[in-house]
Amino acid sequence: MSQAARFQETPRRLAIFDEGFAEAGVRSRPVPDTGAGCQDRGAAAGSGVGGHRVIGSLPARERRGRARAAGATKDEIADVLLAIILVAGLSRIVSAAPEVATALGYDIAVALEEPDGY
């Protein structure tokens, strides 16, 4: 997976319930710091976008603006989906992935219909 497309690949593979991808992601990432004591404001903000969407407290688009303003990259925001699987549960992550992707400017439905043309 290329670095440039990680923010697209991560939610897409989660949305299609790629269990192998999710399992590999869990093994390779520590549980995220949700901001308390986090040294990187961008990573903490990214955690907020993914985390709030998964628990349903705020729309992803609303949080995305704050996260991007704090310096979170699209990749960092998408990575939170993998990082919080153990906390939130895979089914919640799978259901949140499309909305997080949309908030990042990526339409999973279109990408799945036209995988080579998106």
C-alpha atoms as a PDB file:
ATOM      1  CA  MET A   1       0.000   0.000   0.000  1.00  0.00           C
ATOM      2  CA  SER A   2       1.467   3.371  -0.956  1.00  0.00           C
ATOM      3  CA  GLN A   3       1.837   6.053   1.684  1.00  0.00           C
ATOM      4  CA  ALA A   4      -0.118   8.524  -0.456  1.00  0.00           C
ATOM      5  CA  ALA A   5      -3.207   6.313  -0.591  1.00  0.00           C
ATOM      6  CA  ARG A   6      -3.280   5.038   2.996  1.00  0.00           C
ATOM      7  CA  PHE A   7      -6.164   7.333   3.983  1.00  0.00           C
ATOM      8  CA  GLN A   8      -8.149   5.748   1.147  1.00  0.00           C
ATOM      9  CA  GLU A   9      -7.021   2.145   1.480  1.00  0.00           C
ATOM     10  CA  THR A  10      -7.585   1.813   5.233  1.00  0.00           C
ATOM     11  CA  PRO A  11     -11.282   2.791   5.357  1.00  0.00           C
ATOM     12  CA  ARG A  12     -12.006   0.985   2.070  1.00  0.00           C
ATOM     13  CA  ARG A  13     -10.590  -2.320   3.291  1.00  0.00           C
ATOM     14  CA  LEU A  14     -12.365  -1.950   6.621  1.00  0.00           C
ATOM     15  CA  ALA A  15     -15.674  -1.114   4.913  1.00  0.00           C
ATOM     16  CA  ILE A  16     -15.524  -4.357   2.915  1.00  0.00           C
ATOM     17  CA  PHE A  17     -14.784  -6.207   6.172  1.00  0.00           C
ATOM     18  CA  ASP A  18     -11.270  -7.344   5.276  1.00  0.00           C
ATOM     19  CA  GLU A  19     -10.586  -9.221   8.517  1.00  0.00           C
ATOM     20  CA  GLY A  20      -6.980 -10.037   7.604  1.00  0.00           C
ATOM     21  CA  PHE A  21      -6.236  -6.361   7.030  1.00  0.00           C
ATOM     22  CA  ALA A  22      -7.895  -5.412  10.322  1.00  0.00           C
ATOM     23  CA  GLU A  23      -6.012  -8.109  12.242  1.00  0.00           C
ATOM     24  CA  ALA A  24      -2.675  -7.025  10.768  1.00  0.00           C
ATOM     25  CA  GLY A  25      -3.486  -3.415  11.625  1.00  0.00           C
ATOM     26  CA  VAL A  26      -4.257  -4.264  15.235  1.00  0.00           C
ATOM     27  CA  ARG A  27      -1.003  -6.181  15.603  1.00  0.00           C
ATOM     28  CA  SER A  28       1.076  -3.367  14.149  1.00  0.00           C
ATOM     29  CA  ARG A  29      -0.349  -0.421  16.102  1.00  0.00           C
ATOM     30  CA  PRO A  30      -0.468   0.421  19.783  1.00  0.00           C
ATOM     31  CA  VAL A  31      -3.735   1.558  21.332  1.00  0.00           C
ATOM     32  CA  PRO A  32      -3.828   5.313  20.657  1.00  0.00           C
ATOM     33  CA  ASP A  33      -3.472   8.033  23.230  1.00  0.00           C
ATOM     34  CA  THR A  34      -6.730   9.973  22.917  1.00  0.00           C
ATOM     35  CA  GLY A  35      -5.082  13.264  23.721  1.00  0.00           C
ATOM     36  CA  ALA A  36      -4.316  13.184  27.418  1.00  0.00           C
ATOM     37  CA  GLY A  37      -0.570  13.507  27.504  1.00  0.00           C
ATOM     38  CA  CYS A  38      -0.198  13.024  23.756  1.00  0.00           C
ATOM     39  CA  GLN A  39       2.872  14.847  22.461  1.00  0.00           C
ATOM     40  CA  ASP A  40       1.588  15.198  18.904  1.00  0.00           C
ATOM     41  CA  ARG A  41      -1.508  17.420  18.636  1.00  0.00           C
ATOM     42  CA  GLY A  42      -2.196  16.158  15.120  1.00  0.00           C
ATOM     43  CA  ALA A  43      -2.246  12.523  16.228  1.00  0.00           C
ATOM     44  CA  ALA A  44      -4.472  13.398  19.185  1.00  0.00           C
ATOM     45  CA  ALA A  45      -6.883  15.261  16.891  1.00  0.00           C
ATOM     46  CA  GLY A  46      -6.879  12.332  14.473  1.00  0.00           C
ATOM     47  CA  SER A  47      -7.814  10.066  17.355  1.00  0.00           C
ATOM     48  CA  GLY A  48     -10.710  12.355  18.073  1.00  0.00           C
ATOM     49  CA  VAL A  49     -12.135  12.157  14.560  1.00  0.00           C
ATOM     50  CA  GLY A  50     -12.040   8.379  14.347  1.00  0.00           C
ATOM     51  CA  GLY A  51     -13.021   7.842  17.942  1.00  0.00           C
ATOM     52  CA  HIS A  52     -15.943  10.244  18.007  1.00  0.00           C
ATOM     53  CA  ARG A  53     -17.329   8.839  14.762  1.00  0.00           C
ATOM     54  CA  VAL A  54     -17.111   5.282  16.022  1.00  0.00           C
ATOM     55  CA  ILE A  55     -18.984   6.056  19.224  1.00  0.00           C
ATOM     56  CA  GLY A  56     -21.422   8.236  17.305  1.00  0.00           C
ATOM     57  CA  SER A  57     -20.943  11.416  19.303  1.00  0.00           C
ATOM     58  CA  LEU A  58     -20.022  13.819  16.480  1.00  0.00           C
ATOM     59  CA  PRO A  59     -20.230  13.727  12.701  1.00  0.00           C
ATOM     60  CA  ALA A  60     -16.830  12.970  11.184  1.00  0.00           C
ATOM     61  CA  ARG A  61     -16.912  16.058   8.964  1.00  0.00           C
ATOM     62  CA  GLU A  62     -17.317  18.317  11.973  1.00  0.00           C
ATOM     63  CA  ARG A  63     -14.324  16.797  13.758  1.00  0.00           C
ATOM     64  CA  ARG A  64     -12.189  16.567  10.604  1.00  0.00           C
ATOM     65  CA  GLY A  65     -11.846  20.339  10.317  1.00  0.00           C
ATOM     66  CA  ARG A  66     -10.594  20.545  13.879  1.00  0.00           C
ATOM     67  CA  ALA A  67      -8.185  17.647  13.403  1.00  0.00           C
ATOM     68  CA  ARG A  68      -6.753  19.063  10.181  1.00  0.00           C
ATOM     69  CA  ALA A  69      -6.364  22.488  11.837  1.00  0.00           C
ATOM     70  CA  ALA A  70      -4.438  20.797  14.657  1.00  0.00           C
ATOM     71  CA  GLY A  71      -2.074  19.255  12.124  1.00  0.00           C
ATOM     72  CA  ALA A  72      -3.443  15.716  11.722  1.00  0.00           C
ATOM     73  CA  THR A  73      -2.850  14.238   8.288  1.00  0.00           C
ATOM     74  CA  LYS A  74      -5.515  12.279   6.442  1.00  0.00           C
ATOM     75  CA  ASP A  75      -3.383   9.166   6.969  1.00  0.00           C
ATOM     76  CA  GLU A  76      -3.249   9.743  10.741  1.00  0.00           C
ATOM     77  CA  ILE A  77      -7.013  10.145  10.892  1.00  0.00           C
ATOM     78  CA  ALA A  78      -7.580   6.933   8.887  1.00  0.00           C
ATOM     79  CA  ASP A  79      -5.006   5.048  10.986  1.00  0.00           C
ATOM     80  CA  VAL A  80      -7.105   5.668  14.083  1.00  0.00           C
ATOM     81  CA  LEU A  81      -9.719   3.288  12.674  1.00  0.00           C
ATOM     82  CA  LEU A  82      -7.205   0.443  12.950  1.00  0.00           C
ATOM     83  CA  ALA A  83      -5.777   1.618  16.233  1.00  0.00           C
ATOM     84  CA  ILE A  84      -9.091   1.582  18.100  1.00  0.00           C
ATOM     85  CA  ILE A  85     -10.472  -1.739  16.851  1.00  0.00           C
ATOM     86  CA  LEU A  86      -9.732  -3.433  20.173  1.00  0.00           C
ATOM     87  CA  VAL A  87     -11.473  -0.681  22.094  1.00  0.00           C
ATOM     88  CA  ALA A  88     -14.493  -0.056  19.868  1.00  0.00           C
ATOM     89  CA  GLY A  89     -14.936  -3.449  18.223  1.00  0.00           C
ATOM     90  CA  LEU A  90     -14.528  -4.384  14.580  1.00  0.00           C
ATOM     91  CA  SER A  91     -18.220  -4.083  13.696  1.00  0.00           C
ATOM     92  CA  ARG A  92     -18.333  -0.448  14.856  1.00  0.00           C
ATOM     93  CA  ILE A  93     -15.155   0.327  12.920  1.00  0.00           C
ATOM     94  CA  VAL A  94     -16.552  -1.300   9.774  1.00  0.00           C
ATOM     95  CA  SER A  95     -19.719   0.785  10.023  1.00  0.00           C
ATOM     96  CA  ALA A  96     -17.783   4.011  10.725  1.00  0.00           C
ATOM     97  CA  ALA A  97     -15.225   3.604   7.928  1.00  0.00           C
ATOM     98  CA  PRO A  98     -17.368   4.963   5.055  1.00  0.00           C
ATOM     99  CA  GLU A  99     -18.290   8.157   6.913  1.00  0.00           C
ATOM    100  CA  VAL A 100     -14.697   8.769   7.997  1.00  0.00           C
ATOM    101  CA  ALA A 101     -13.568   8.239   4.382  1.00  0.00           C
ATOM    102  CA  THR A 102     -16.213  10.661   3.119  1.00  0.00           C
ATOM    103  CA  ALA A 103     -15.067  13.258   5.636  1.00  0.00           C
ATOM    104  CA  LEU A 104     -11.565  12.843   4.208  1.00  0.00           C
ATOM    105  CA  GLY A 105     -12.829  13.437   0.670  1.00  0.00           C
ATOM    106  CA  TYR A 106     -12.863   9.806  -0.440  1.00  0.00           C
ATOM    107  CA  ASP A 107     -16.019   8.051  -1.656  1.00  0.00           C
ATOM    108  CA  ILE A 108     -15.716   4.328  -0.935  1.00  0.00           C
ATOM    109  CA  ALA A 109     -18.836   3.411  -2.941  1.00  0.00           C
ATOM    110  CA  VAL A 110     -17.447   5.032  -6.093  1.00  0.00           C
ATOM    111  CA  ALA A 111     -14.025   3.471  -5.526  1.00  0.00           C
ATOM    112  CA  LEU A 112     -15.536  -0.003  -5.210  1.00  0.00           C
ATOM    113  CA  GLU A 113     -17.560   0.457  -8.409  1.00  0.00           C
ATOM    114  CA  GLU A 114     -14.562   1.779 -10.357  1.00  0.00           C
ATOM    115  CA  PRO A 115     -11.436   0.423  -8.590  1.00  0.00           C
ATOM    116  CA  ASP A 116      -9.066   1.373 -11.406  1.00  0.00           C
ATOM    117  CA  GLY A 117     -10.651   4.676 -12.279  1.00  0.00           C
ATOM    118  CA  TYR A 118     -10.973   6.440  -8.943  1.00  0.00           C
END
